[in-house]
């Protein structure tokens, strides 16, 4: 069993850790992407990133000075979005870190596929960004089947806590016997399940912490997720998706 998650735009750097950093598997491909990004003008880069002029200027200056081998931070500590905040890796025990190093993988438009302790630098490049690289029209074409092949479907299932944007880099290559098991956190609106993005991101992080702390290795153990606000719903779940429903309280 492996777990896949998405990266976040918000990132940081830190040297305040005791981890032995590893090298990203696809560093050669990342180097190629960096070369292409550095060819862009400020205006082209800002349009690619779909951000404000001020943020574009900041990221462009960082891009031109970027060195993939210096001032790196373990990926699990570098990303700072809601999912990572609620995962709270700084509170993990040693066995929990061992668990995620073996089983957790982060999909990335820039780095491809990351292990938790792979050393990375802050970057801005979403998987859906329309960046052309040689004959590749976009990042999905550029990465092709590499990320699918890097995952261990033979000892599956792969537990999918990534967004659709990142899952799409895998789905064209799934084989008949592969099992990509989606985890969905929903609220009931007029009796129908609806994903509320902010709550779902929080719950995804908490699910990873739960799995790491309890050394989860089976689907039954995932269903026992002990979140105070979510409960597994057998009626909404399928063989391809485990659905957890938000429990409204009387005070809400």
Protein backbone atom coordinates (compact mmCIF):
# COMPACT_ATOMS: atom_id res chain seq x y z
CA UNK A 1 0.00 0.00 0.00
CA UNK A 2 1.22 3.46 -0.95
CA UNK A 3 -0.39 6.89 -0.49
CA UNK A 4 -0.29 9.77 -2.97
CA UNK A 5 -0.91 13.42 -2.19
CA UNK A 6 -0.62 16.78 -3.95
CA UNK A 7 1.95 19.51 -3.31
CA UNK A 8 1.04 23.06 -2.31
CA UNK A 9 1.96 26.48 -3.68
CA UNK A 10 3.01 27.72 -0.24
CA UNK A 11 6.51 26.52 0.60
CA UNK A 12 9.32 27.28 3.01
CA UNK A 13 12.94 26.40 3.63
CA UNK A 14 14.49 25.17 6.85
CA UNK A 15 17.76 23.65 7.98
CA UNK A 16 16.38 22.98 11.45
CA UNK A 17 15.93 19.23 11.11
CA UNK A 18 17.85 16.01 11.66
CA UNK A 19 16.80 14.12 8.55
CA UNK A 20 19.19 12.67 6.02
CA UNK A 21 17.90 14.21 2.81
CA UNK A 22 17.60 12.05 -0.30
CA UNK A 23 17.84 13.13 -3.93
CA UNK A 24 14.61 13.33 -5.93
CA UNK A 25 14.28 10.43 -8.35
CA UNK A 26 13.55 12.62 -11.35
CA UNK A 27 16.11 15.36 -10.73
CA UNK A 28 17.36 15.20 -14.34
CA UNK A 29 13.83 15.89 -15.59
CA UNK A 30 13.43 18.70 -13.04
CA UNK A 31 16.68 20.22 -14.29
CA UNK A 32 15.25 20.18 -17.81
CA UNK A 33 12.09 21.92 -16.63
CA UNK A 34 14.13 24.54 -14.81
CA UNK A 35 16.08 25.27 -18.01
CA UNK A 36 12.81 25.82 -19.89
CA UNK A 37 11.35 28.01 -17.15
CA UNK A 38 14.45 30.22 -17.13
CA UNK A 39 13.89 30.95 -20.84
CA UNK A 40 10.59 32.68 -20.04
CA UNK A 41 10.26 36.43 -19.70
CA UNK A 42 8.76 37.89 -16.53
CA UNK A 43 5.47 38.44 -18.33
CA UNK A 44 5.40 34.88 -19.71
CA UNK A 45 6.23 33.36 -16.34
CA UNK A 46 3.56 35.43 -14.56
CA UNK A 47 0.98 34.32 -17.12
CA UNK A 48 2.05 30.68 -16.70
CA UNK A 49 1.72 30.93 -12.92
CA UNK A 50 -1.59 32.85 -13.12
CA UNK A 51 -0.59 35.12 -10.27
CA UNK A 52 -0.36 38.84 -9.52
CA UNK A 53 2.45 41.01 -10.88
CA UNK A 54 3.98 41.35 -7.42
CA UNK A 55 3.95 37.60 -6.80
CA UNK A 56 5.17 36.98 -10.32
CA UNK A 57 8.14 39.31 -9.77
CA UNK A 58 9.04 37.55 -6.52
CA UNK A 59 8.84 34.08 -8.03
CA UNK A 60 10.68 35.15 -11.19
CA UNK A 61 13.63 36.49 -9.21
CA UNK A 62 13.71 33.24 -7.22
CA UNK A 63 13.53 31.24 -10.45
CA UNK A 64 16.53 32.97 -12.03
CA UNK A 65 18.65 32.27 -8.93
CA UNK A 66 17.40 28.72 -8.38
CA UNK A 67 19.95 25.99 -7.67
CA UNK A 68 18.40 22.53 -7.22
CA UNK A 69 21.27 21.30 -5.05
CA UNK A 70 21.57 24.14 -2.53
CA UNK A 71 19.46 25.23 0.45
CA UNK A 72 17.16 22.23 0.07
CA UNK A 73 14.50 21.14 2.57
CA UNK A 74 12.85 17.72 3.01
CA UNK A 75 9.67 17.80 0.94
CA UNK A 76 7.46 16.86 3.89
CA UNK A 77 8.68 19.98 5.75
CA UNK A 78 8.81 22.27 2.74
CA UNK A 79 5.14 22.29 1.71
CA UNK A 80 3.03 24.50 3.97
CA UNK A 81 -0.55 24.23 2.68
CA UNK A 82 -3.55 23.20 4.78
CA UNK A 83 -3.12 19.50 4.16
CA UNK A 84 0.45 19.61 5.45
CA UNK A 85 -0.44 21.84 8.38
CA UNK A 86 -3.07 19.35 9.53
CA UNK A 87 -0.78 16.43 8.84
CA UNK A 88 1.59 18.12 11.34
CA UNK A 89 4.74 16.12 10.48
CA UNK A 90 6.72 18.03 13.10
CA UNK A 91 4.76 16.02 15.69
CA UNK A 92 5.45 12.60 14.14
CA UNK A 93 7.16 9.85 16.06
CA UNK A 94 10.11 7.98 14.55
CA UNK A 95 7.89 5.01 13.50
CA UNK A 96 5.47 7.45 11.84
CA UNK A 97 8.32 8.99 9.84
CA UNK A 98 9.48 5.52 8.83
CA UNK A 99 5.94 4.75 7.69
CA UNK A 100 5.58 7.81 5.44
CA UNK A 101 9.09 7.44 4.02
CA UNK A 102 8.17 3.95 2.88
CA UNK A 103 4.60 4.61 1.73
CA UNK A 104 3.89 8.31 1.11
CA UNK A 105 4.58 9.88 -2.29
CA UNK A 106 4.00 13.49 -3.35
CA UNK A 107 3.05 14.20 -6.97
CA UNK A 108 4.62 17.38 -8.33
CA UNK A 109 4.55 19.21 -11.64
CA UNK A 110 8.18 20.25 -11.12
CA UNK A 111 9.72 17.24 -9.36
CA UNK A 112 7.47 14.49 -10.68
CA UNK A 113 7.30 12.14 -7.70
CA UNK A 114 8.79 12.90 -4.30
CA UNK A 115 9.53 10.86 -1.20
CA UNK A 116 9.05 12.71 2.11
CA UNK A 117 12.76 13.29 2.76
CA UNK A 118 13.77 14.24 -0.78
CA UNK A 119 15.55 17.58 -0.65
CA UNK A 120 13.75 20.27 -2.67
CA UNK A 121 13.75 24.02 -3.17
CA UNK A 122 10.71 26.32 -3.26
CA UNK A 123 9.20 26.52 -6.75
CA UNK A 124 5.97 27.42 -8.49
CA UNK A 125 4.71 25.06 -11.18
CA UNK A 126 1.34 23.37 -11.06
CA UNK A 127 0.80 20.16 -13.00
CA UNK A 128 -1.89 21.81 -15.14
CA UNK A 129 0.35 24.74 -16.13
CA UNK A 130 0.51 25.01 -19.97
CA UNK A 131 4.30 24.75 -20.21
CA UNK A 132 5.70 23.37 -23.48
CA UNK A 133 8.89 21.30 -23.21
CA UNK A 134 10.26 20.34 -26.60
CA UNK A 135 7.65 18.17 -28.32
CA UNK A 136 5.60 17.87 -25.11
CA UNK A 137 2.59 20.18 -25.19
CA UNK A 138 2.22 20.25 -21.39
CA UNK A 139 3.45 18.66 -18.17
CA UNK A 140 1.11 15.68 -18.44
CA UNK A 141 2.71 14.79 -21.77
CA UNK A 142 6.20 15.58 -20.48
CA UNK A 143 5.90 13.23 -17.50
CA UNK A 144 4.09 10.61 -19.54
CA UNK A 145 4.02 7.22 -17.79
CA UNK A 146 7.08 7.90 -15.59
CA UNK A 147 5.13 8.68 -12.42
CA UNK A 148 2.76 5.76 -12.86
CA UNK A 149 5.72 3.40 -13.31
CA UNK A 150 7.42 4.80 -10.20
CA UNK A 151 4.48 3.76 -8.01
CA UNK A 152 4.12 0.23 -6.66
CA UNK A 153 0.71 -0.87 -7.93
CA UNK A 154 1.81 -4.51 -7.69
CA UNK A 155 1.61 -4.24 -3.90
CA UNK A 156 -1.41 -1.94 -4.01
CA UNK A 157 -3.84 -0.45 -3.55
CA UNK A 158 -2.56 3.09 -4.04
CA UNK A 159 -4.49 5.30 -1.62
CA UNK A 160 -5.38 8.49 -3.47
CA UNK A 161 -5.49 11.66 -1.37
CA UNK A 162 -4.35 13.84 -4.29
CA UNK A 163 -6.47 16.35 -6.20
CA UNK A 164 -7.88 15.60 -9.66
CA UNK A 165 -5.24 17.87 -11.21
CA UNK A 166 -2.51 15.52 -10.05
CA UNK A 167 -4.38 12.22 -10.29
CA UNK A 168 -4.82 12.87 -14.03
CA UNK A 169 -1.10 12.25 -14.57
CA UNK A 170 -1.66 8.60 -13.57
CA UNK A 171 -5.10 7.60 -14.84
CA UNK A 172 -4.24 7.18 -18.57
CA UNK A 173 -1.76 4.44 -17.65
CA UNK A 174 -3.77 2.40 -15.15
CA UNK A 175 -3.94 -1.29 -15.97
CA UNK A 176 -6.84 -3.68 -15.48
CA UNK A 177 -5.57 -5.08 -12.16
CA UNK A 178 -4.36 -1.75 -10.73
CA UNK A 179 -6.31 -0.32 -7.85
CA UNK A 180 -6.30 3.41 -7.27
CA UNK A 181 -8.54 3.92 -4.23
CA UNK A 182 -9.89 7.46 -3.84
CA UNK A 183 -10.56 8.90 -0.39
CA UNK A 184 -13.32 11.51 -0.35
CA UNK A 185 -14.39 13.77 2.52
CA UNK A 186 -17.86 15.19 1.98
CA UNK A 187 -20.64 17.12 3.64
CA UNK A 188 -24.31 16.38 3.00
CA UNK A 189 -26.13 19.21 1.24
CA UNK A 190 -29.82 18.47 0.74
CA UNK A 191 -28.98 14.83 1.31
CA UNK A 192 -26.31 14.74 -1.39
CA UNK A 193 -22.54 14.45 -0.79
CA UNK A 194 -20.58 17.59 -1.61
CA UNK A 195 -16.85 18.20 -1.18
CA UNK A 196 -16.03 21.41 0.69
CA UNK A 197 -12.46 22.09 -0.36
CA UNK A 198 -11.09 23.65 2.82
CA UNK A 199 -12.52 20.98 5.12
CA UNK A 200 -11.40 18.23 2.75
CA UNK A 201 -7.81 19.49 2.68
CA UNK A 202 -7.69 19.52 6.48
CA UNK A 203 -9.12 16.01 6.68
CA UNK A 204 -6.65 14.66 4.13
CA UNK A 205 -3.77 15.81 6.29
CA UNK A 206 -5.34 14.31 9.38
CA UNK A 207 -5.91 11.04 7.54
CA UNK A 208 -2.22 10.78 6.70
CA UNK A 209 -1.28 11.45 10.33
CA UNK A 210 -3.77 8.78 11.44
CA UNK A 211 -2.35 6.25 8.99
CA UNK A 212 1.23 6.99 10.01
CA UNK A 213 0.54 6.90 13.75
CA UNK A 214 -1.43 3.66 13.50
CA UNK A 215 0.80 2.04 10.85
CA UNK A 216 -2.23 1.41 8.66
CA UNK A 217 -1.81 -1.34 6.05
CA UNK A 218 -5.39 -2.35 5.22
CA UNK A 219 -8.56 -0.76 3.89
CA UNK A 220 -10.45 -1.83 7.01
CA UNK A 221 -8.02 0.17 9.12
CA UNK A 222 -8.58 3.24 6.93
CA UNK A 223 -12.33 2.92 7.45
CA UNK A 224 -11.69 3.13 11.21
CA UNK A 225 -10.34 6.71 10.84
CA UNK A 226 -11.04 8.25 14.25
CA UNK A 227 -11.67 11.87 13.20
CA UNK A 228 -14.08 13.71 15.54
CA UNK A 229 -16.12 15.11 12.63
CA UNK A 230 -16.00 12.45 9.89
CA UNK A 231 -17.38 8.92 9.77
CA UNK A 232 -16.94 6.28 7.10
CA UNK A 233 -20.08 5.86 4.97
CA UNK A 234 -20.59 2.41 3.52
CA UNK A 235 -23.64 3.57 1.58
CA UNK A 236 -21.77 6.31 -0.30
CA UNK A 237 -18.57 4.27 -0.79
CA UNK A 238 -17.72 1.98 -3.71
CA UNK A 239 -14.91 -0.39 -4.62
CA UNK A 240 -13.07 2.59 -6.11
CA UNK A 241 -13.81 5.20 -3.43
CA UNK A 242 -14.00 5.39 0.35
CA UNK A 243 -16.32 8.21 1.43
CA UNK A 244 -16.23 9.86 4.84
CA UNK A 245 -19.20 12.06 5.74
CA UNK A 246 -18.99 15.16 7.90
CA UNK A 247 -21.08 14.81 11.05
CA UNK A 248 -23.08 17.93 11.85
CA UNK A 249 -23.27 18.77 15.55
CA UNK A 250 -26.17 20.36 17.38
CA UNK A 251 -24.08 23.47 18.07
CA UNK A 252 -23.57 24.17 14.36
